[in-house]
Amino acid sequence: MNWDVILLPKAHEDYKSILVYLSNFYPSTPLKFDNDYQRVKSILAYNPRGCSVYSYHPDYRRALVGNYTLLYKIDDEHHEVHIHRIIRSNWEISSHLQYSEDTEDDGP
């Protein structure tokens, strides 16, 4: 049984910003990122526990999408995967995660 994968508002902003940024390079660059993102999203829908736990915040798991880290939580009760952030992998992830937690009540 597949899980519902939900892109929360802040992650949706991240996703759009990444596509805009990548569009400044080769025309195929945003498409490659989107294809990689869709592949990872499919993997999460099939097996959300297949990706590693984020060691600095064990409530989150992380998946790599190109040069970006997708941070998500699993909601067993509703059989959902909530994507909280999509962050450049070389950024200080915990500082961006704190912002996500502060605004989590805003919901999708």
PDB file of N, CA and C in Angstrom:
ATOM      1  N   MET A   1       0.837  -1.193   0.000  1.00  0.00           N
ATOM      2  CA  MET A   1       0.000   0.000   0.000  1.00  0.00           C
ATOM      3  C   MET A   1       0.875   1.247   0.000  1.00  0.00           C
ATOM      4  N   ASN A   2       0.623   2.154  -0.909  1.00  0.00           N
ATOM      5  CA  ASN A   2       1.404   3.376  -1.000  1.00  0.00           C
ATOM      6  C   ASN A   2       0.994   4.403   0.045  1.00  0.00           C
ATOM      7  N   TRP A   3       1.956   5.192   0.440  1.00  0.00           N
ATOM      8  CA  TRP A   3       1.744   6.267   1.388  1.00  0.00           C
ATOM      9  C   TRP A   3       1.446   7.539   0.600  1.00  0.00           C
ATOM     10  N   ASP A   4       0.689   8.449   1.205  1.00  0.00           N
ATOM     11  CA  ASP A   4       0.481   9.772   0.607  1.00  0.00           C
ATOM     12  C   ASP A   4       1.687  10.627   0.949  1.00  0.00           C
ATOM     13  N   VAL A   5       2.283  11.246  -0.047  1.00  0.00           N
ATOM     14  CA  VAL A   5       3.434  12.120   0.164  1.00  0.00           C
ATOM     15  C   VAL A   5       2.951  13.557   0.003  1.00  0.00           C
ATOM     16  N   ILE A   6       3.095  14.340   1.081  1.00  0.00           N
ATOM     17  CA  ILE A   6       2.560  15.703   1.114  1.00  0.00           C
ATOM     18  C   ILE A   6       3.710  16.695   1.228  1.00  0.00           C
ATOM     19  N   LEU A   7       3.733  17.626   0.318  1.00  0.00           N
ATOM     20  CA  LEU A   7       4.723  18.702   0.319  1.00  0.00           C
ATOM     21  C   LEU A   7       4.144  19.858   1.133  1.00  0.00           C
ATOM     22  N   LEU A   8       4.700  20.094   2.326  1.00  0.00           N
ATOM     23  CA  LEU A   8       4.208  21.162   3.187  1.00  0.00           C
ATOM     24  C   LEU A   8       4.564  22.530   2.589  1.00  0.00           C
ATOM     25  N   PRO A   9       3.887  23.594   3.014  1.00  0.00           N
ATOM     26  CA  PRO A   9       4.064  24.916   2.380  1.00  0.00           C
ATOM     27  C   PRO A   9       5.516  25.395   2.274  1.00  0.00           C
ATOM     28  N   LYS A  10       6.303  25.258   3.327  1.00  0.00           N
ATOM     29  CA  LYS A  10       7.693  25.736   3.267  1.00  0.00           C
ATOM     30  C   LYS A  10       8.502  24.905   2.265  1.00  0.00           C
ATOM     31  N   ALA A  11       8.250  23.611   2.222  1.00  0.00           N
ATOM     32  CA  ALA A  11       8.936  22.752   1.258  1.00  0.00           C
ATOM     33  C   ALA A  11       8.506  23.089  -0.164  1.00  0.00           C
ATOM     34  N   HIS A  12       7.244  23.455  -0.323  1.00  0.00           N
ATOM     35  CA  HIS A  12       6.761  23.862  -1.645  1.00  0.00           C
ATOM     36  C   HIS A  12       7.475  25.141  -2.099  1.00  0.00           C
ATOM     37  N   GLU A  13       7.674  26.082  -1.178  1.00  0.00           N
ATOM     38  CA  GLU A  13       8.451  27.296  -1.493  1.00  0.00           C
ATOM     39  C   GLU A  13       9.874  26.923  -1.873  1.00  0.00           C
ATOM     40  N   ASP A  14      10.469  26.003  -1.103  1.00  0.00           N
ATOM     41  CA  ASP A  14      11.831  25.544  -1.418  1.00  0.00           C
ATOM     42  C   ASP A  14      11.888  24.975  -2.825  1.00  0.00           C
ATOM     43  N   TYR A  15      10.929  24.113  -3.139  1.00  0.00           N
ATOM     44  CA  TYR A  15      10.877  23.452  -4.441  1.00  0.00           C
ATOM     45  C   TYR A  15      10.798  24.474  -5.578  1.00  0.00           C
ATOM     46  N   LYS A  16       9.890  25.428  -5.453  1.00  0.00           N
ATOM     47  CA  LYS A  16       9.750  26.461  -6.490  1.00  0.00           C
ATOM     48  C   LYS A  16      11.016  27.299  -6.614  1.00  0.00           C
ATOM     49  N   SER A  17      11.606  27.670  -5.488  1.00  0.00           N
ATOM     50  CA  SER A  17      12.840  28.471  -5.510  1.00  0.00           C
ATOM     51  C   SER A  17      13.985  27.723  -6.179  1.00  0.00           C
ATOM     52  N   ILE A  18      14.069  26.435  -5.916  1.00  0.00           N
ATOM     53  CA  ILE A  18      15.121  25.619  -6.531  1.00  0.00           C
ATOM     54  C   ILE A  18      14.945  25.595  -8.044  1.00  0.00           C
ATOM     55  N   LEU A  19      13.709  25.381  -8.508  1.00  0.00           N
ATOM     56  CA  LEU A  19      13.466  25.348  -9.952  1.00  0.00           C
ATOM     57  C   LEU A  19      13.799  26.685 -10.608  1.00  0.00           C
ATOM     58  N   VAL A  20      13.448  27.790  -9.944  1.00  0.00           N
ATOM     59  CA  VAL A  20      13.776  29.120 -10.483  1.00  0.00           C
ATOM     60  C   VAL A  20      15.293  29.292 -10.540  1.00  0.00           C
ATOM     61  N   TYR A  21      15.961  28.947  -9.465  1.00  0.00           N
ATOM     62  CA  TYR A  21      17.416  29.065  -9.425  1.00  0.00           C
ATOM     63  C   TYR A  21      18.069  28.217 -10.518  1.00  0.00           C
ATOM     64  N   LEU A  22      17.643  26.969 -10.641  1.00  0.00           N
ATOM     65  CA  LEU A  22      18.248  26.070 -11.623  1.00  0.00           C
ATOM     66  C   LEU A  22      17.949  26.485 -13.059  1.00  0.00           C
ATOM     67  N   SER A  23      16.887  27.237 -13.267  1.00  0.00           N
ATOM     68  CA  SER A  23      16.552  27.689 -14.623  1.00  0.00           C
ATOM     69  C   SER A  23      17.555  28.705 -15.153  1.00  0.00           C
ATOM     70  N   ASN A  24      18.429  29.214 -14.276  1.00  0.00           N
ATOM     71  CA  ASN A  24      19.479  30.149 -14.697  1.00  0.00           C
ATOM     72  C   ASN A  24      20.650  29.443 -15.375  1.00  0.00           C
ATOM     73  N   PHE A  25      20.625  28.119 -15.371  1.00  0.00           N
ATOM     74  CA  PHE A  25      21.701  27.351 -15.965  1.00  0.00           C
ATOM     75  C   PHE A  25      21.219  26.742 -17.282  1.00  0.00           C
ATOM     76  N   TYR A  26      21.534  25.522 -17.529  1.00  0.00           N
ATOM     77  CA  TYR A  26      21.101  24.870 -18.756  1.00  0.00           C
ATOM     78  C   TYR A  26      19.595  24.596 -18.694  1.00  0.00           C
ATOM     79  N   PRO A  27      18.900  24.646 -19.825  1.00  0.00           N
ATOM     80  CA  PRO A  27      17.450  24.404 -19.818  1.00  0.00           C
ATOM     81  C   PRO A  27      17.054  23.046 -19.238  1.00  0.00           C
ATOM     82  N   SER A  28      17.930  22.078 -19.339  1.00  0.00           N
ATOM     83  CA  SER A  28      17.600  20.745 -18.835  1.00  0.00           C
ATOM     84  C   SER A  28      17.812  20.595 -17.323  1.00  0.00           C
ATOM     85  N   THR A  29      18.474  21.553 -16.698  1.00  0.00           N
ATOM     86  CA  THR A  29      18.808  21.424 -15.278  1.00  0.00           C
ATOM     87  C   THR A  29      17.571  21.357 -14.383  1.00  0.00           C
ATOM     88  N   PRO A  30      16.578  22.251 -14.519  1.00  0.00           N
ATOM     89  CA  PRO A  30      15.389  22.119 -13.666  1.00  0.00           C
ATOM     90  C   PRO A  30      14.626  20.817 -13.932  1.00  0.00           C
ATOM     91  N   LEU A  31      14.612  20.388 -15.170  1.00  0.00           N
ATOM     92  CA  LEU A  31      13.920  19.147 -15.519  1.00  0.00           C
ATOM     93  C   LEU A  31      14.594  17.955 -14.853  1.00  0.00           C
ATOM     94  N   LYS A  32      15.918  17.937 -14.845  1.00  0.00           N
ATOM     95  CA  LYS A  32      16.646  16.846 -14.185  1.00  0.00           C
ATOM     96  C   LYS A  32      16.330  16.842 -12.697  1.00  0.00           C
ATOM     97  N   PHE A  33      16.343  18.026 -12.055  1.00  0.00           N
ATOM     98  CA  PHE A  33      16.005  18.089 -10.635  1.00  0.00           C
ATOM     99  C   PHE A  33      14.585  17.569 -10.403  1.00  0.00           C
ATOM    100  N   ASP A  34      13.635  18.012 -11.223  1.00  0.00           N
ATOM    101  CA  ASP A  34      12.250  17.582 -11.065  1.00  0.00           C
ATOM    102  C   ASP A  34      12.123  16.072 -11.237  1.00  0.00           C
ATOM    103  N   ASN A  35      12.814  15.507 -12.211  1.00  0.00           N
ATOM    104  CA  ASN A  35      12.787  14.052 -12.412  1.00  0.00           C
ATOM    105  C   ASN A  35      13.350  13.322 -11.191  1.00  0.00           C
ATOM    106  N   ASP A  36      14.463  13.830 -10.659  1.00  0.00           N
ATOM    107  CA  ASP A  36      15.059  13.232  -9.462  1.00  0.00           C
ATOM    108  C   ASP A  36      14.106  13.350  -8.274  1.00  0.00           C
ATOM    109  N   TYR A  37      13.475  14.512  -8.137  1.00  0.00           N
ATOM    110  CA  TYR A  37      12.513  14.732  -7.051  1.00  0.00           C
ATOM    111  C   TYR A  37      11.337  13.756  -7.168  1.00  0.00           C
ATOM    112  N   GLN A  38      10.791  13.601  -8.366  1.00  0.00           N
ATOM    113  CA  GLN A  38       9.655  12.699  -8.563  1.00  0.00           C
ATOM    114  C   GLN A  38      10.045  11.242  -8.268  1.00  0.00           C
ATOM    115  N   ARG A  39      11.261  10.884  -8.616  1.00  0.00           N
ATOM    116  CA  ARG A  39      11.754   9.529  -8.334  1.00  0.00           C
ATOM    117  C   ARG A  39      11.832   9.298  -6.829  1.00  0.00           C
ATOM    118  N   VAL A  40      12.396  10.256  -6.099  1.00  0.00           N
ATOM    119  CA  VAL A  40      12.511  10.134  -4.641  1.00  0.00           C
ATOM    120  C   VAL A  40      11.125  10.119  -4.002  1.00  0.00           C
ATOM    121  N   LYS A  41      10.241  10.950  -4.497  1.00  0.00           N
ATOM    122  CA  LYS A  41       8.869  10.993  -3.977  1.00  0.00           C
ATOM    123  C   LYS A  41       8.185   9.627  -4.150  1.00  0.00           C
ATOM    124  N   SER A  42       8.409   8.985  -5.278  1.00  0.00           N
ATOM    125  CA  SER A  42       7.850   7.648  -5.522  1.00  0.00           C
ATOM    126  C   SER A  42       8.430   6.620  -4.557  1.00  0.00           C
ATOM    127  N   ILE A  43       9.712   6.742  -4.299  1.00  0.00           N
ATOM    128  CA  ILE A  43      10.356   5.839  -3.343  1.00  0.00           C
ATOM    129  C   ILE A  43       9.754   6.022  -1.952  1.00  0.00           C
ATOM    130  N   LEU A  44       9.544   7.279  -1.553  1.00  0.00           N
ATOM    131  CA  LEU A  44       8.956   7.555  -0.240  1.00  0.00           C
ATOM    132  C   LEU A  44       7.533   7.019  -0.143  1.00  0.00           C
ATOM    133  N   ALA A  45       6.786   7.114  -1.223  1.00  0.00           N
ATOM    134  CA  ALA A  45       5.412   6.613  -1.229  1.00  0.00           C
ATOM    135  C   ALA A  45       5.383   5.095  -1.062  1.00  0.00           C
ATOM    136  N   TYR A  46       6.402   4.441  -1.542  1.00  0.00           N
ATOM    137  CA  TYR A  46       6.462   2.984  -1.462  1.00  0.00           C
ATOM    138  C   TYR A  46       7.083   2.509  -0.148  1.00  0.00           C
ATOM    139  N   ASN A  47       8.162   3.193   0.287  1.00  0.00           N
ATOM    140  CA  ASN A  47       8.898   2.767   1.479  1.00  0.00           C
ATOM    141  C   ASN A  47       9.490   3.982   2.198  1.00  0.00           C
ATOM    142  N   PRO A  48       8.699   4.686   2.996  1.00  0.00           N
ATOM    143  CA  PRO A  48       9.202   5.906   3.630  1.00  0.00           C
ATOM    144  C   PRO A  48      10.316   5.668   4.649  1.00  0.00           C
ATOM    145  N   ARG A  49      10.435   4.472   5.151  1.00  0.00           N
ATOM    146  CA  ARG A  49      11.494   4.187   6.126  1.00  0.00           C
ATOM    147  C   ARG A  49      12.793   3.737   5.459  1.00  0.00           C
ATOM    148  N   GLY A  50      12.832   3.772   4.153  1.00  0.00           N
ATOM    149  CA  GLY A  50      14.019   3.343   3.418  1.00  0.00           C
ATOM    150  C   GLY A  50      15.158   4.350   3.447  1.00  0.00           C
ATOM    151  N   CYS A  51      14.880   5.572   3.827  1.00  0.00           N
ATOM    152  CA  CYS A  51      15.917   6.608   3.897  1.00  0.00           C
ATOM    153  C   CYS A  51      16.392   6.771   5.333  1.00  0.00           C
ATOM    154  N   SER A  52      17.572   7.335   5.472  1.00  0.00           N
ATOM    155  CA  SER A  52      18.196   7.406   6.788  1.00  0.00           C
ATOM    156  C   SER A  52      17.539   8.452   7.693  1.00  0.00           C
ATOM    157  N   VAL A  53      17.665   8.194   8.994  1.00  0.00           N
ATOM    158  CA  VAL A  53      17.210   9.141  10.004  1.00  0.00           C
ATOM    159  C   VAL A  53      18.215  10.283  10.042  1.00  0.00           C
ATOM    160  N   TYR A  54      17.715  11.514  10.162  1.00  0.00           N
ATOM    161  CA  TYR A  54      18.596  12.685  10.256  1.00  0.00           C
ATOM    162  C   TYR A  54      19.186  12.693  11.658  1.00  0.00           C
ATOM    163  N   SER A  55      20.481  12.470  11.773  1.00  0.00           N
ATOM    164  CA  SER A  55      21.125  12.246  13.067  1.00  0.00           C
ATOM    165  C   SER A  55      20.981  13.405  14.048  1.00  0.00           C
ATOM    166  N   TYR A  56      20.861  14.646  13.571  1.00  0.00           N
ATOM    167  CA  TYR A  56      20.765  15.784  14.466  1.00  0.00           C
ATOM    168  C   TYR A  56      19.348  16.023  14.968  1.00  0.00           C
ATOM    169  N   HIS A  57      18.385  15.385  14.339  1.00  0.00           N
ATOM    170  CA  HIS A  57      16.990  15.535  14.748  1.00  0.00           C
ATOM    171  C   HIS A  57      16.263  14.246  14.368  1.00  0.00           C
ATOM    172  N   PRO A  58      16.250  13.252  15.275  1.00  0.00           N
ATOM    173  CA  PRO A  58      15.773  11.917  14.914  1.00  0.00           C
ATOM    174  C   PRO A  58      14.302  11.812  14.516  1.00  0.00           C
ATOM    175  N   ASP A  59      13.514  12.871  14.688  1.00  0.00           N
ATOM    176  CA  ASP A  59      12.124  12.833  14.209  1.00  0.00           C
ATOM    177  C   ASP A  59      12.059  12.926  12.691  1.00  0.00           C
ATOM    178  N   TYR A  60      13.148  13.409  12.085  1.00  0.00           N
ATOM    179  CA  TYR A  60      13.192  13.600  10.636  1.00  0.00           C
ATOM    180  C   TYR A  60      13.995  12.496   9.974  1.00  0.00           C
ATOM    181  N   ARG A  61      13.627  12.230   8.755  1.00  0.00           N
ATOM    182  CA  ARG A  61      14.427  11.386   7.874  1.00  0.00           C
ATOM    183  C   ARG A  61      14.879  12.261   6.726  1.00  0.00           C
ATOM    184  N   ARG A  62      15.883  11.798   6.003  1.00  0.00           N
ATOM    185  CA  ARG A  62      16.383  12.598   4.892  1.00  0.00           C
ATOM    186  C   ARG A  62      16.619  11.745   3.668  1.00  0.00           C
ATOM    187  N   ALA A  63      16.369  12.363   2.541  1.00  0.00           N
ATOM    188  CA  ALA A  63      16.613  11.729   1.250  1.00  0.00           C
ATOM    189  C   ALA A  63      17.363  12.733   0.390  1.00  0.00           C
ATOM    190  N   LEU A  64      18.239  12.250  -0.437  1.00  0.00           N
ATOM    191  CA  LEU A  64      19.003  13.134  -1.316  1.00  0.00           C
ATOM    192  C   LEU A  64      18.330  13.236  -2.675  1.00  0.00           C
ATOM    193  N   VAL A  65      18.251  14.483  -3.150  1.00  0.00           N
ATOM    194  CA  VAL A  65      17.718  14.784  -4.484  1.00  0.00           C
ATOM    195  C   VAL A  65      18.775  15.667  -5.149  1.00  0.00           C
ATOM    196  N   GLY A  66      19.661  15.047  -5.899  1.00  0.00           N
ATOM    197  CA  GLY A  66      20.765  15.794  -6.493  1.00  0.00           C
ATOM    198  C   GLY A  66      21.618  16.401  -5.391  1.00  0.00           C
ATOM    199  N   ASN A  67      21.819  17.729  -5.445  1.00  0.00           N
ATOM    200  CA  ASN A  67      22.620  18.437  -4.445  1.00  0.00           C
ATOM    201  C   ASN A  67      21.780  18.929  -3.271  1.00  0.00           C
ATOM    202  N   TYR A  68      20.583  18.426  -3.140  1.00  0.00           N
ATOM    203  CA  TYR A  68      19.648  18.899  -2.118  1.00  0.00           C
ATOM    204  C   TYR A  68      19.268  17.763  -1.176  1.00  0.00           C
ATOM    205  N   THR A  69      18.921  18.146   0.044  1.00  0.00           N
ATOM    206  CA  THR A  69      18.454  17.201   1.049  1.00  0.00           C
ATOM    207  C   THR A  69      16.984  17.465   1.306  1.00  0.00           C
ATOM    208  N   LEU A  70      16.199  16.433   1.172  1.00  0.00           N
ATOM    209  CA  LEU A  70      14.764  16.494   1.427  1.00  0.00           C
ATOM    210  C   LEU A  70      14.545  15.961   2.843  1.00  0.00           C
ATOM    211  N   LEU A  71      13.954  16.773   3.714  1.00  0.00           N
ATOM    212  CA  LEU A  71      13.707  16.377   5.097  1.00  0.00           C
ATOM    213  C   LEU A  71      12.224  16.119   5.295  1.00  0.00           C
ATOM    214  N   TYR A  72      11.913  14.977   5.881  1.00  0.00           N
ATOM    215  CA  TYR A  72      10.515  14.598   6.011  1.00  0.00           C
ATOM    216  C   TYR A  72      10.259  13.851   7.317  1.00  0.00           C
ATOM    217  N   LYS A  73       8.990  13.801   7.684  1.00  0.00           N
ATOM    218  CA  LYS A  73       8.528  13.032   8.834  1.00  0.00           C
ATOM    219  C   LYS A  73       7.468  12.045   8.352  1.00  0.00           C
ATOM    220  N   ILE A  74       7.370  10.952   9.062  1.00  0.00           N
ATOM    221  CA  ILE A  74       6.381   9.925   8.742  1.00  0.00           C
ATOM    222  C   ILE A  74       5.228  10.026   9.733  1.00  0.00           C
ATOM    223  N   ASP A  75       4.022  10.087   9.210  1.00  0.00           N
ATOM    224  CA  ASP A  75       2.801  10.099  10.024  1.00  0.00           C
ATOM    225  C   ASP A  75       2.134   8.736   9.870  1.00  0.00           C
ATOM    226  N   ASP A  76       2.448   7.835  10.805  1.00  0.00           N
ATOM    227  CA  ASP A  76       1.914   6.473  10.730  1.00  0.00           C
ATOM    228  C   ASP A  76       0.394   6.436  10.860  1.00  0.00           C
ATOM    229  N   GLU A  77      -0.134   7.293  11.690  1.00  0.00           N
ATOM    230  CA  GLU A  77      -1.577   7.289  11.943  1.00  0.00           C
ATOM    231  C   GLU A  77      -2.385   7.539  10.667  1.00  0.00           C
ATOM    232  N   HIS A  78      -1.917   8.499   9.860  1.00  0.00           N
ATOM    233  CA  HIS A  78      -2.637   8.859   8.637  1.00  0.00           C
ATOM    234  C   HIS A  78      -2.028   8.247   7.378  1.00  0.00           C
ATOM    235  N   HIS A  79      -0.965   7.450   7.575  1.00  0.00           N
ATOM    236  CA  HIS A  79      -0.279   6.804   6.460  1.00  0.00           C
ATOM    237  C   HIS A  79       0.211   7.852   5.446  1.00  0.00           C
ATOM    238  N   GLU A  80       0.900   8.881   5.999  1.00  0.00           N
ATOM    239  CA  GLU A  80       1.379  10.002   5.183  1.00  0.00           C
ATOM    240  C   GLU A  80       2.859  10.260   5.434  1.00  0.00           C
ATOM    241  N   VAL A  81       3.492  10.825   4.439  1.00  0.00           N
ATOM    242  CA  VAL A  81       4.856  11.324   4.533  1.00  0.00           C
ATOM    243  C   VAL A  81       4.774  12.832   4.334  1.00  0.00           C
ATOM    244  N   HIS A  82       5.269  13.595   5.308  1.00  0.00           N
ATOM    245  CA  HIS A  82       5.219  15.055   5.236  1.00  0.00           C
ATOM    246  C   HIS A  82       6.612  15.599   4.940  1.00  0.00           C
ATOM    247  N   ILE A  83       6.769  16.172   3.765  1.00  0.00           N
ATOM    248  CA  ILE A  83       8.049  16.782   3.391  1.00  0.00           C
ATOM    249  C   ILE A  83       8.065  18.189   3.972  1.00  0.00           C
ATOM    250  N   HIS A  84       9.043  18.447   4.842  1.00  0.00           N
ATOM    251  CA  HIS A  84       9.120  19.731   5.537  1.00  0.00           C
ATOM    252  C   HIS A  84      10.020  20.735   4.840  1.00  0.00           C
ATOM    253  N   ARG A  85      11.142  20.276   4.328  1.00  0.00           N
ATOM    254  CA  ARG A  85      12.088  21.195   3.688  1.00  0.00           C
ATOM    255  C   ARG A  85      12.841  20.475   2.576  1.00  0.00           C
ATOM    256  N   ILE A  86      13.298  21.253   1.604  1.00  0.00           N
ATOM    257  CA  ILE A  86      14.236  20.792   0.580  1.00  0.00           C
ATOM    258  C   ILE A  86      15.354  21.816   0.604  1.00  0.00           C
ATOM    259  N   ILE A  87      16.510  21.418   1.105  1.00  0.00           N
ATOM    260  CA  ILE A  87      17.591  22.353   1.421  1.00  0.00           C
ATOM    261  C   ILE A  87      18.869  21.924   0.716  1.00  0.00           C
ATOM    262  N   ARG A  88      19.611  22.885   0.254  1.00  0.00           N
ATOM    263  CA  ARG A  88      20.918  22.605  -0.343  1.00  0.00           C
ATOM    264  C   ARG A  88      21.738  21.777   0.649  1.00  0.00           C
ATOM    265  N   SER A  89      22.292  20.676   0.216  1.00  0.00           N
ATOM    266  CA  SER A  89      22.962  19.733   1.117  1.00  0.00           C
ATOM    267  C   SER A  89      24.162  20.335   1.840  1.00  0.00           C
ATOM    268  N   ASN A  90      24.803  21.337   1.271  1.00  0.00           N
ATOM    269  CA  ASN A  90      25.970  21.916   1.935  1.00  0.00           C
ATOM    270  C   ASN A  90      25.608  23.078   2.866  1.00  0.00           C
ATOM    271  N   TRP A  91      24.322  23.361   3.049  1.00  0.00           N
ATOM    272  CA  TRP A  91      23.887  24.393   3.991  1.00  0.00           C
ATOM    273  C   TRP A  91      23.818  23.813   5.398  1.00  0.00           C
ATOM    274  N   GLU A  92      23.763  24.685   6.374  1.00  0.00           N
ATOM    275  CA  GLU A  92      23.558  24.289   7.766  1.00  0.00           C
ATOM    276  C   GLU A  92      22.092  23.902   7.922  1.00  0.00           C
ATOM    277  N   ILE A  93      21.819  22.636   7.805  1.00  0.00           N
ATOM    278  CA  ILE A  93      20.441  22.143   7.735  1.00  0.00           C
ATOM    279  C   ILE A  93      19.662  22.433   9.009  1.00  0.00           C
ATOM    280  N   SER A  94      20.281  22.263  10.168  1.00  0.00           N
ATOM    281  CA  SER A  94      19.537  22.413  11.426  1.00  0.00           C
ATOM    282  C   SER A  94      18.958  23.816  11.587  1.00  0.00           C
ATOM    283  N   SER A  95      19.628  24.855  11.088  1.00  0.00           N
ATOM    284  CA  SER A  95      19.076  26.210  11.223  1.00  0.00           C
ATOM    285  C   SER A  95      17.833  26.387  10.356  1.00  0.00           C
ATOM    286  N   HIS A  96      17.767  25.740   9.206  1.00  0.00           N
ATOM    287  CA  HIS A  96      16.589  25.803   8.346  1.00  0.00           C
ATOM    288  C   HIS A  96      15.463  24.931   8.895  1.00  0.00           C
ATOM    289  N   LEU A  97      15.838  23.887   9.572  1.00  0.00           N
ATOM    290  CA  LEU A  97      14.853  22.998  10.169  1.00  0.00           C
ATOM    291  C   LEU A  97      14.150  23.688  11.328  1.00  0.00           C
ATOM    292  N   GLN A  98      14.876  24.479  12.081  1.00  0.00           N
ATOM    293  CA  GLN A  98      14.272  25.210  13.196  1.00  0.00           C
ATOM    294  C   GLN A  98      13.165  26.117  12.694  1.00  0.00           C
ATOM    295  N   TYR A  99      13.400  26.809  11.581  1.00  0.00           N
ATOM    296  CA  TYR A  99      12.367  27.681  11.007  1.00  0.00           C
ATOM    297  C   TYR A  99      11.140  26.865  10.638  1.00  0.00           C
ATOM    298  N   SER A 100      11.358  25.697  10.091  1.00  0.00           N
ATOM    299  CA  SER A 100      10.255  24.839   9.674  1.00  0.00           C
ATOM    300  C   SER A 100       9.418  24.420  10.872  1.00  0.00           C
ATOM    301  N   GLU A 101      10.066  24.097  11.983  1.00  0.00           N
ATOM    302  CA  GLU A 101       9.333  23.687  13.174  1.00  0.00           C
ATOM    303  C   GLU A 101       8.540  24.836  13.767  1.00  0.00           C
ATOM    304  N   ASP A 102       9.112  26.044  13.727  1.00  0.00           N
ATOM    305  CA  ASP A 102       8.417  27.203  14.269  1.00  0.00           C
ATOM    306  C   ASP A 102       7.132  27.512  13.513  1.00  0.00           C
ATOM    307  N   THR A 103       7.097  27.195  12.233  1.00  0.00           N
ATOM    308  CA  THR A 103       5.941  27.526  11.406  1.00  0.00           C
ATOM    309  C   THR A 103       5.098  26.312  11.062  1.00  0.00           C
ATOM    310  N   GLU A 104       5.381  25.190  11.708  1.00  0.00           N
ATOM    311  CA  GLU A 104       4.706  23.933  11.369  1.00  0.00           C
ATOM    312  C   GLU A 104       3.199  24.011  11.616  1.00  0.00           C
ATOM    313  N   ASP A 105       2.757  24.795  12.575  1.00  0.00           N
ATOM    314  CA  ASP A 105       1.333  24.888  12.882  1.00  0.00           C
ATOM    315  C   ASP A 105       0.531  25.537  11.762  1.00  0.00           C
ATOM    316  N   ASP A 106       1.198  26.226  10.858  1.00  0.00           N
ATOM    317  CA  ASP A 106       0.498  26.870   9.755  1.00  0.00           C
ATOM    318  C   ASP A 106      -0.131  25.848   8.808  1.00  0.00           C
ATOM    319  N   GLY A 107       0.461  24.639   8.767  1.00  0.00           N
ATOM    320  CA  GLY A 107      -0.090  23.527   7.995  1.00  0.00           C
ATOM    321  C   GLY A 107      -0.233  23.793   6.513  1.00  0.00           C
ATOM    322  N   PRO A 108      -0.587  22.739   5.796  1.00  0.00           N
ATOM    323  CA  PRO A 108      -0.743  22.881   4.338  1.00  0.00           C
ATOM    324  C   PRO A 108      -2.029  23.572   3.952  1.00  0.00           C
TER     325      PRO A 108
END
